[in-house]
Protein backbone atom coordinates (compact mmCIF):
# COMPACT_ATOMS: atom_id res chain seq x y z
CA MET A 1 0.20 -0.09 0.09
CA ARG A 2 1.17 3.04 -0.63
CA PHE A 3 1.18 6.29 1.29
CA THR A 4 3.04 9.06 -0.61
CA SER A 5 0.05 10.50 -2.54
CA ASN A 6 -1.41 14.02 -1.21
CA MET A 7 -4.88 12.78 -2.58
CA ALA A 8 -6.36 9.33 -2.94
CA GLN A 9 -6.37 6.95 -5.85
CA ILE A 10 -9.65 6.60 -7.11
CA ILE A 11 -10.76 2.89 -7.38
CA ASP A 12 -12.64 2.73 -10.61
CA GLY A 13 -15.28 0.25 -10.34
CA LYS A 14 -17.05 0.77 -13.49
CA GLY A 15 -13.42 0.21 -15.36
CA ILE A 16 -12.65 -2.66 -13.48
CA SER A 17 -15.73 -4.35 -13.70
CA ALA A 18 -15.43 -3.82 -17.67
CA GLU A 19 -12.35 -5.46 -17.66
CA ILE A 20 -13.51 -8.58 -16.07
CA ARG A 21 -16.94 -8.55 -17.93
CA LEU A 22 -14.64 -9.28 -20.84
CA LYS A 23 -13.00 -12.07 -19.63
CA LEU A 24 -16.28 -13.33 -18.00
CA HIS A 25 -17.44 -12.83 -21.93
CA GLN A 26 -14.54 -15.20 -23.31
CA GLU A 27 -15.12 -17.97 -20.57
CA VAL A 28 -18.57 -17.71 -21.54
CA ILE A 29 -17.49 -18.46 -25.19
CA ASP A 30 -15.16 -21.09 -24.58
CA PHE A 31 -17.76 -22.80 -22.01
CA VAL A 32 -20.41 -22.87 -24.68
CA SER A 33 -17.87 -23.99 -27.53
CA SER A 34 -17.18 -26.88 -25.46
CA GLY A 35 -20.53 -28.45 -26.14
CA ASN A 36 -22.21 -26.94 -22.70
CA PRO A 37 -25.91 -25.01 -23.18
CA VAL A 38 -25.65 -21.06 -22.37
CA PRO A 39 -25.68 -20.70 -18.88
CA HIS A 40 -29.32 -19.03 -18.04
CA LEU A 41 -30.00 -16.69 -15.11
CA THR A 42 -33.50 -16.32 -14.01
CA ALA A 43 -34.88 -12.85 -11.62
CA VAL A 44 -37.61 -12.99 -9.48
CA ILE A 45 -39.15 -9.41 -8.21
CA VAL A 46 -42.36 -9.31 -6.27
CA GLY A 47 -43.75 -6.13 -6.42
CA GLU A 48 -43.48 -2.78 -8.09
CA ASP A 49 -40.49 -1.38 -5.96
CA PRO A 50 -38.58 0.85 -8.82
CA ALA A 51 -35.29 0.57 -6.85
CA SER A 52 -35.64 -3.34 -7.82
CA GLN A 53 -36.76 -3.05 -11.14
CA THR A 54 -34.00 -0.91 -12.05
CA TYR A 55 -31.02 -3.28 -10.15
CA VAL A 56 -32.70 -6.38 -11.82
CA LYS A 57 -32.54 -4.52 -15.33
CA ASN A 58 -29.06 -3.75 -14.84
CA LYS A 59 -28.22 -7.45 -13.92
CA ILE A 60 -30.13 -8.15 -17.20
CA LEU A 61 -28.24 -6.09 -19.32
CA ALA A 62 -25.01 -7.45 -17.70
CA CYS A 63 -26.27 -10.86 -18.80
CA LYS A 64 -26.04 -9.75 -22.24
CA GLU A 65 -23.06 -8.11 -22.33
CA VAL A 66 -21.08 -11.15 -21.19
CA GLY A 67 -23.58 -14.13 -23.20
CA ILE A 68 -25.42 -15.63 -20.41
CA SER A 69 -29.17 -15.88 -21.09
CA SER A 70 -31.61 -14.73 -18.63
CA GLU A 71 -35.16 -14.13 -17.68
CA THR A 72 -37.24 -11.65 -15.49
CA LYS A 73 -40.20 -13.14 -13.65
CA LEU A 74 -42.65 -10.11 -12.32
CA LEU A 75 -45.02 -11.16 -9.63
CA PRO A 76 -47.54 -9.08 -7.82
CA ALA A 77 -47.42 -7.78 -4.70
CA SER A 78 -50.01 -9.98 -3.61
CA THR A 79 -48.31 -12.59 -4.41
CA THR A 80 -48.70 -15.06 -1.41
CA GLN A 81 -44.97 -16.59 0.15
CA GLU A 82 -46.42 -20.32 -1.05
CA GLU A 83 -46.89 -19.12 -4.20
CA LEU A 84 -43.40 -17.73 -4.42
CA LEU A 85 -41.86 -21.26 -3.01
CA GLN A 86 -43.58 -22.75 -5.94
CA LEU A 87 -42.21 -21.01 -8.57
CA ILE A 88 -38.58 -20.94 -6.87
CA GLY A 89 -39.26 -24.88 -6.50
CA GLN A 90 -39.73 -24.75 -10.61
CA LEU A 91 -36.88 -23.35 -10.93
CA ASN A 92 -34.80 -25.12 -9.15
CA ARG A 93 -35.83 -28.52 -10.82
CA ASP A 94 -35.30 -26.91 -14.29
CA ASP A 95 -31.86 -28.00 -15.54
CA CYS A 96 -31.97 -24.98 -18.21
CA VAL A 97 -31.66 -22.43 -15.19
CA SER A 98 -28.08 -21.96 -13.95
CA GLY A 99 -28.99 -19.38 -11.18
CA VAL A 100 -31.96 -18.12 -9.54
CA LEU A 101 -32.41 -14.70 -7.64
CA VAL A 102 -35.14 -13.31 -5.82
CA GLN A 103 -34.79 -9.30 -5.58
CA LEU A 104 -34.52 -7.99 -2.09
CA PRO A 105 -36.55 -7.06 -0.33
CA VAL A 106 -39.69 -8.83 -0.81
CA PRO A 107 -42.93 -7.82 0.42
CA ASP A 108 -43.64 -7.70 4.50
CA HIS A 109 -46.07 -10.57 4.41
CA ILE A 110 -43.07 -13.18 3.01
CA ASN A 111 -40.35 -13.98 4.81
CA GLU A 112 -36.93 -13.05 3.41
CA ARG A 113 -35.16 -15.84 5.01
CA THR A 114 -37.22 -18.80 4.07
CA ILE A 115 -37.50 -17.41 0.71
CA CYS A 116 -33.36 -17.50 0.17
CA ASN A 117 -33.15 -21.16 1.81
CA ALA A 118 -35.91 -21.95 -0.86
CA VAL A 119 -33.47 -21.45 -3.54
CA ALA A 120 -31.06 -24.63 -4.31
CA PRO A 121 -28.00 -24.03 -3.11
CA GLU A 122 -26.30 -24.74 -5.99
CA LYS A 123 -28.04 -21.91 -8.27
CA ASP A 124 -28.17 -19.33 -5.36
CA VAL A 125 -25.77 -17.17 -7.11
CA ASP A 126 -26.67 -14.33 -4.48
CA GLY A 127 -25.00 -16.48 -2.04
CA PHE A 128 -27.60 -16.36 0.74
CA ASN A 129 -28.76 -19.64 1.24
CA GLU A 130 -27.77 -20.67 4.74
CA ILE A 131 -25.75 -23.78 3.22
CA ASN A 132 -23.50 -21.01 0.99
CA MET A 133 -23.60 -18.79 3.94
CA GLY A 134 -22.25 -21.51 6.22
CA ARG A 135 -19.50 -22.90 3.69
CA LEU A 136 -18.21 -19.28 3.51
CA ALA A 137 -18.12 -19.13 7.34
CA LEU A 138 -16.29 -22.55 7.30
CA ASP A 139 -13.96 -21.66 4.46
CA MET A 140 -15.18 -24.15 1.97
CA ASP A 141 -16.21 -23.80 -1.72
CA GLY A 142 -19.27 -22.35 -2.18
CA PHE A 143 -21.08 -19.05 -3.82
CA VAL A 144 -20.21 -15.74 -1.90
CA PRO A 145 -22.39 -13.21 -2.02
CA ALA A 146 -21.66 -10.74 -4.91
CA THR A 147 -20.69 -7.27 -3.09
CA PRO A 148 -18.19 -8.99 -0.78
CA LEU A 149 -16.69 -10.88 -3.48
CA GLY A 150 -17.20 -7.71 -5.75
CA ILE A 151 -15.03 -5.71 -2.82
CA LYS A 152 -12.66 -8.39 -2.91
CA ALA A 153 -11.58 -8.19 -6.59
CA LEU A 154 -11.38 -4.15 -5.88
CA LEU A 155 -8.80 -4.80 -3.34
CA GLU A 156 -6.81 -7.56 -5.33
CA HIS A 157 -7.22 -5.19 -8.57
CA CYS A 158 -5.77 -2.72 -7.19
CA ASN A 159 -2.82 -4.38 -5.38
CA ILE A 160 -3.94 -3.06 -1.69
CA ALA A 161 -2.33 -5.31 1.10
CA THR A 162 -4.66 -7.50 3.24
CA HIS A 163 -2.55 -10.11 4.58
CA GLY A 164 -2.63 -8.98 8.64
CA ARG A 165 -3.70 -5.49 8.39
CA ASN A 166 -6.13 -4.22 10.42
CA ALA A 167 -9.85 -3.35 8.50
CA VAL A 168 -12.98 -1.91 9.72
CA VAL A 169 -16.21 -3.07 8.62
CA VAL A 170 -18.87 -0.55 9.36
CA GLY A 171 -22.38 -2.29 9.08
CA ARG A 172 -23.50 -5.61 9.80
CA SER A 173 -25.98 -6.73 7.42
CA LYS A 174 -26.74 -10.41 6.93
CA ASN A 175 -26.12 -10.19 3.26
CA VAL A 176 -23.27 -7.82 2.61
CA SER A 177 -21.31 -6.67 5.58
CA LEU A 178 -21.10 -10.04 7.59
CA PRO A 179 -19.95 -12.19 4.75
CA LEU A 180 -17.54 -9.59 3.92
CA ALA A 181 -15.97 -9.56 7.32
CA ILE A 182 -15.59 -13.53 6.90
CA LEU A 183 -14.13 -13.32 3.49
CA MET A 184 -11.66 -10.53 4.78
CA HIS A 185 -10.74 -12.06 7.78
CA SER A 186 -10.35 -16.17 6.79
CA ASP A 187 -7.16 -18.01 5.61
CA GLY A 188 -6.17 -17.48 2.13
CA LYS A 189 -5.06 -20.77 1.93
CA ASN A 190 -8.38 -22.37 1.79
CA ALA A 191 -11.30 -22.49 -0.43
CA THR A 192 -12.51 -19.05 -0.71
CA LYS A 193 -8.76 -17.68 -1.15
CA ALA A 194 -9.75 -15.14 1.79
CA LEU A 195 -7.86 -11.68 2.66
CA ASP A 196 -6.01 -12.83 6.46
CA ALA A 197 -6.91 -9.52 7.82
CA THR A 198 -7.48 -8.68 11.17
CA VAL A 199 -11.11 -7.52 11.52
CA THR A 200 -13.46 -5.16 13.50
CA ILE A 201 -16.94 -4.85 13.06
CA CYS A 202 -18.92 -1.81 13.97
CA HIS A 203 -22.58 -0.96 13.83
CA ARG A 204 -25.42 1.46 15.05
CA TYR A 205 -24.43 0.94 18.54
CA THR A 206 -20.95 1.18 18.68
CA PRO A 207 -20.32 4.51 20.38
CA PRO A 208 -19.48 7.21 18.08
CA LYS A 209 -16.12 8.09 19.80
CA GLU A 210 -15.44 4.48 19.25
CA LEU A 211 -16.35 3.87 16.03
CA ALA A 212 -14.04 7.11 15.18
CA LYS A 213 -10.93 4.93 17.22
CA HIS A 214 -11.51 2.08 15.33
CA CYS A 215 -11.57 3.40 11.98
CA ARG A 216 -8.29 5.63 12.69
CA GLN A 217 -6.73 2.47 13.34
CA ALA A 218 -7.40 0.55 9.94
CA ASP A 219 -5.48 0.30 7.09
CA ILE A 220 -9.05 -0.76 5.42
CA ILE A 221 -12.40 0.76 5.71
CA VAL A 222 -15.82 -0.57 4.54
CA VAL A 223 -18.56 1.20 5.36
CA ALA A 224 -22.49 -0.13 4.23
CA VAL A 225 -24.83 1.50 6.68
CA GLY A 226 -26.91 3.62 4.41
CA LYS A 227 -26.21 7.07 6.21
CA PRO A 228 -24.54 9.74 4.45
CA GLY A 229 -21.06 11.66 5.40
CA LEU A 230 -21.06 8.84 8.29
CA ILE A 231 -17.04 8.60 8.05
CA THR A 232 -15.16 11.88 7.89
CA LYS A 233 -11.51 13.21 7.15
CA ASP A 234 -10.62 12.87 10.82
CA MET A 235 -11.47 9.20 10.98
CA ILE A 236 -8.98 8.24 8.44
CA LYS A 237 -5.77 6.94 9.27
CA PRO A 238 -3.12 8.72 6.70
CA GLY A 239 -3.03 6.16 3.26
CA ALA A 240 -5.63 4.06 4.21
CA CYS A 241 -7.95 2.15 1.67
CA VAL A 242 -11.90 3.00 2.02
CA ILE A 243 -14.32 1.26 0.36
CA ASP A 244 -17.86 2.89 0.13
CA VAL A 245 -20.60 0.67 -0.55
CA GLY A 246 -23.67 2.92 0.90
CA ILE A 247 -26.19 4.32 -1.59
CA ASN A 248 -27.93 7.26 -0.79
CA ARG A 249 -30.35 9.47 -2.68
CA ILE A 250 -29.84 13.50 -1.40
CA LYS A 251 -30.82 16.58 -2.27
CA ASP A 252 -28.30 18.68 -3.75
CA GLU A 253 -28.42 22.18 -1.82
CA LYS A 254 -26.91 24.02 -4.46
CA THR A 255 -28.47 22.87 -7.71
CA GLY A 256 -31.87 21.46 -6.02
CA LYS A 257 -31.63 18.16 -7.85
CA HIS A 258 -31.19 14.82 -6.59
CA LYS A 259 -27.84 12.85 -6.76
CA LEU A 260 -26.44 9.89 -5.37
CA VAL A 261 -23.93 9.70 -2.21
CA GLY A 262 -22.24 6.94 -0.23
CA ASP A 263 -21.43 6.57 3.34
CA VAL A 264 -17.95 8.39 2.96
CA ASP A 265 -17.90 12.20 2.75
CA PHE A 266 -15.92 11.72 -0.27
CA GLU A 267 -14.08 14.96 -0.99
CA GLU A 268 -12.96 15.44 2.47
CA VAL A 269 -12.01 11.76 2.88
CA ARG A 270 -10.02 11.63 -0.09
CA GLN A 271 -7.59 14.38 1.25
CA VAL A 272 -6.45 11.89 3.36
CA ALA A 273 -7.00 8.41 2.24
CA GLY A 274 -4.26 6.67 -0.11
CA HIS A 275 -7.18 4.74 -2.05
CA ILE A 276 -11.04 5.59 -2.02
CA SER A 277 -14.08 4.17 -4.21
CA PRO A 278 -16.56 6.55 -5.58
CA VAL A 279 -20.13 6.41 -5.34
CA PRO A 280 -21.86 5.60 -7.90
CA GLY A 281 -19.03 4.08 -9.92
CA GLY A 282 -17.54 2.29 -7.32
CA VAL A 283 -18.85 -0.97 -5.57
CA GLY A 284 -22.03 -1.07 -7.57
CA PRO A 285 -20.97 -2.36 -10.93
CA MET A 286 -18.66 -4.84 -9.21
CA THR A 287 -21.43 -6.36 -7.55
CA VAL A 288 -23.55 -6.74 -10.77
CA THR A 289 -20.44 -8.20 -12.34
CA MET A 290 -19.95 -10.74 -9.89
CA LEU A 291 -23.04 -12.18 -10.04
CA MET A 292 -22.14 -12.79 -13.65
CA HIS A 293 -19.37 -14.69 -12.23
CA ASN A 294 -21.32 -16.55 -9.92
CA THR A 295 -24.25 -17.48 -12.56
CA LEU A 296 -21.20 -18.66 -14.94
CA GLN A 297 -19.72 -20.66 -12.22
CA ALA A 298 -22.88 -22.41 -11.41
CA ALA A 299 -23.17 -23.47 -15.00
CA LYS A 300 -20.06 -24.86 -14.55
CA LYS A 301 -20.60 -26.73 -11.85
CA GLN A 302 -24.07 -28.26 -13.05
CA ALA A 303 -22.44 -29.25 -16.43
CA ALA A 304 -19.83 -30.96 -14.34
CA SER A 305 -21.74 -32.70 -12.13
CA ARG A 306 -24.38 -33.76 -14.94
CA ARG A 307 -21.33 -35.53 -16.70
CA VAL A 308 -20.29 -37.73 -13.63
């Protein structure tokens, strides 16, 4: 890690994502040329949440870019949990479907954990099934959630040293922060090729003074809480790498228009940090790209199991 720059190096998630997608596209071509079916991703949306529809649209566009076929199933918000479970069961049994994702959140009358666990582990490209989560915790082969996997790829691409370094994960969500903390601290010699960092998890009940203290000791900070400006310049160790997962829509006081910002005070923190990811254009594109990676891996594993 370099500590000499007066301004942080911007981590170009969009550019790094584009490089990875080119490689994935070639992998898909090679996979299909070997006589295998085109990998296929089915996305399920329950309800009419605009953000969910935008996220899924981006995933479908990425599928087209890398050569993966895809389908989106739009279900009304009135869909019962049993009806959704029946659809997931059908997709699990369909040999033409490589990966299944149910876009979260689901309506309040549907239990999120029940739905995540219903997706067959071998098609769980989101990595949210308890079996894949458990395999990650045990440092075994499985599907790692796309956002943590994307953050790992960013760190590796930028040659950010992690072995033995202090890392702080701000947030404790089950789909991002927790699996990321596991991936960052686990042994790099095992199946997940993890990062061997010393990890501290902070969350909403961490006193502000303690949060600042932990952050100032960190070589790497990853924040994912949905609170604009939470991480400020005075909380950053000079030269640290700051990864911003937050996505917040706020009103620009100067223009009156709405804009997307992260959880980090970007303009101030970049004056101290060594590397920093922007919002948008940082972690977001990598999340979608790692979903494509997982879908291709699912197709490869399923093809191999059929040959046995």
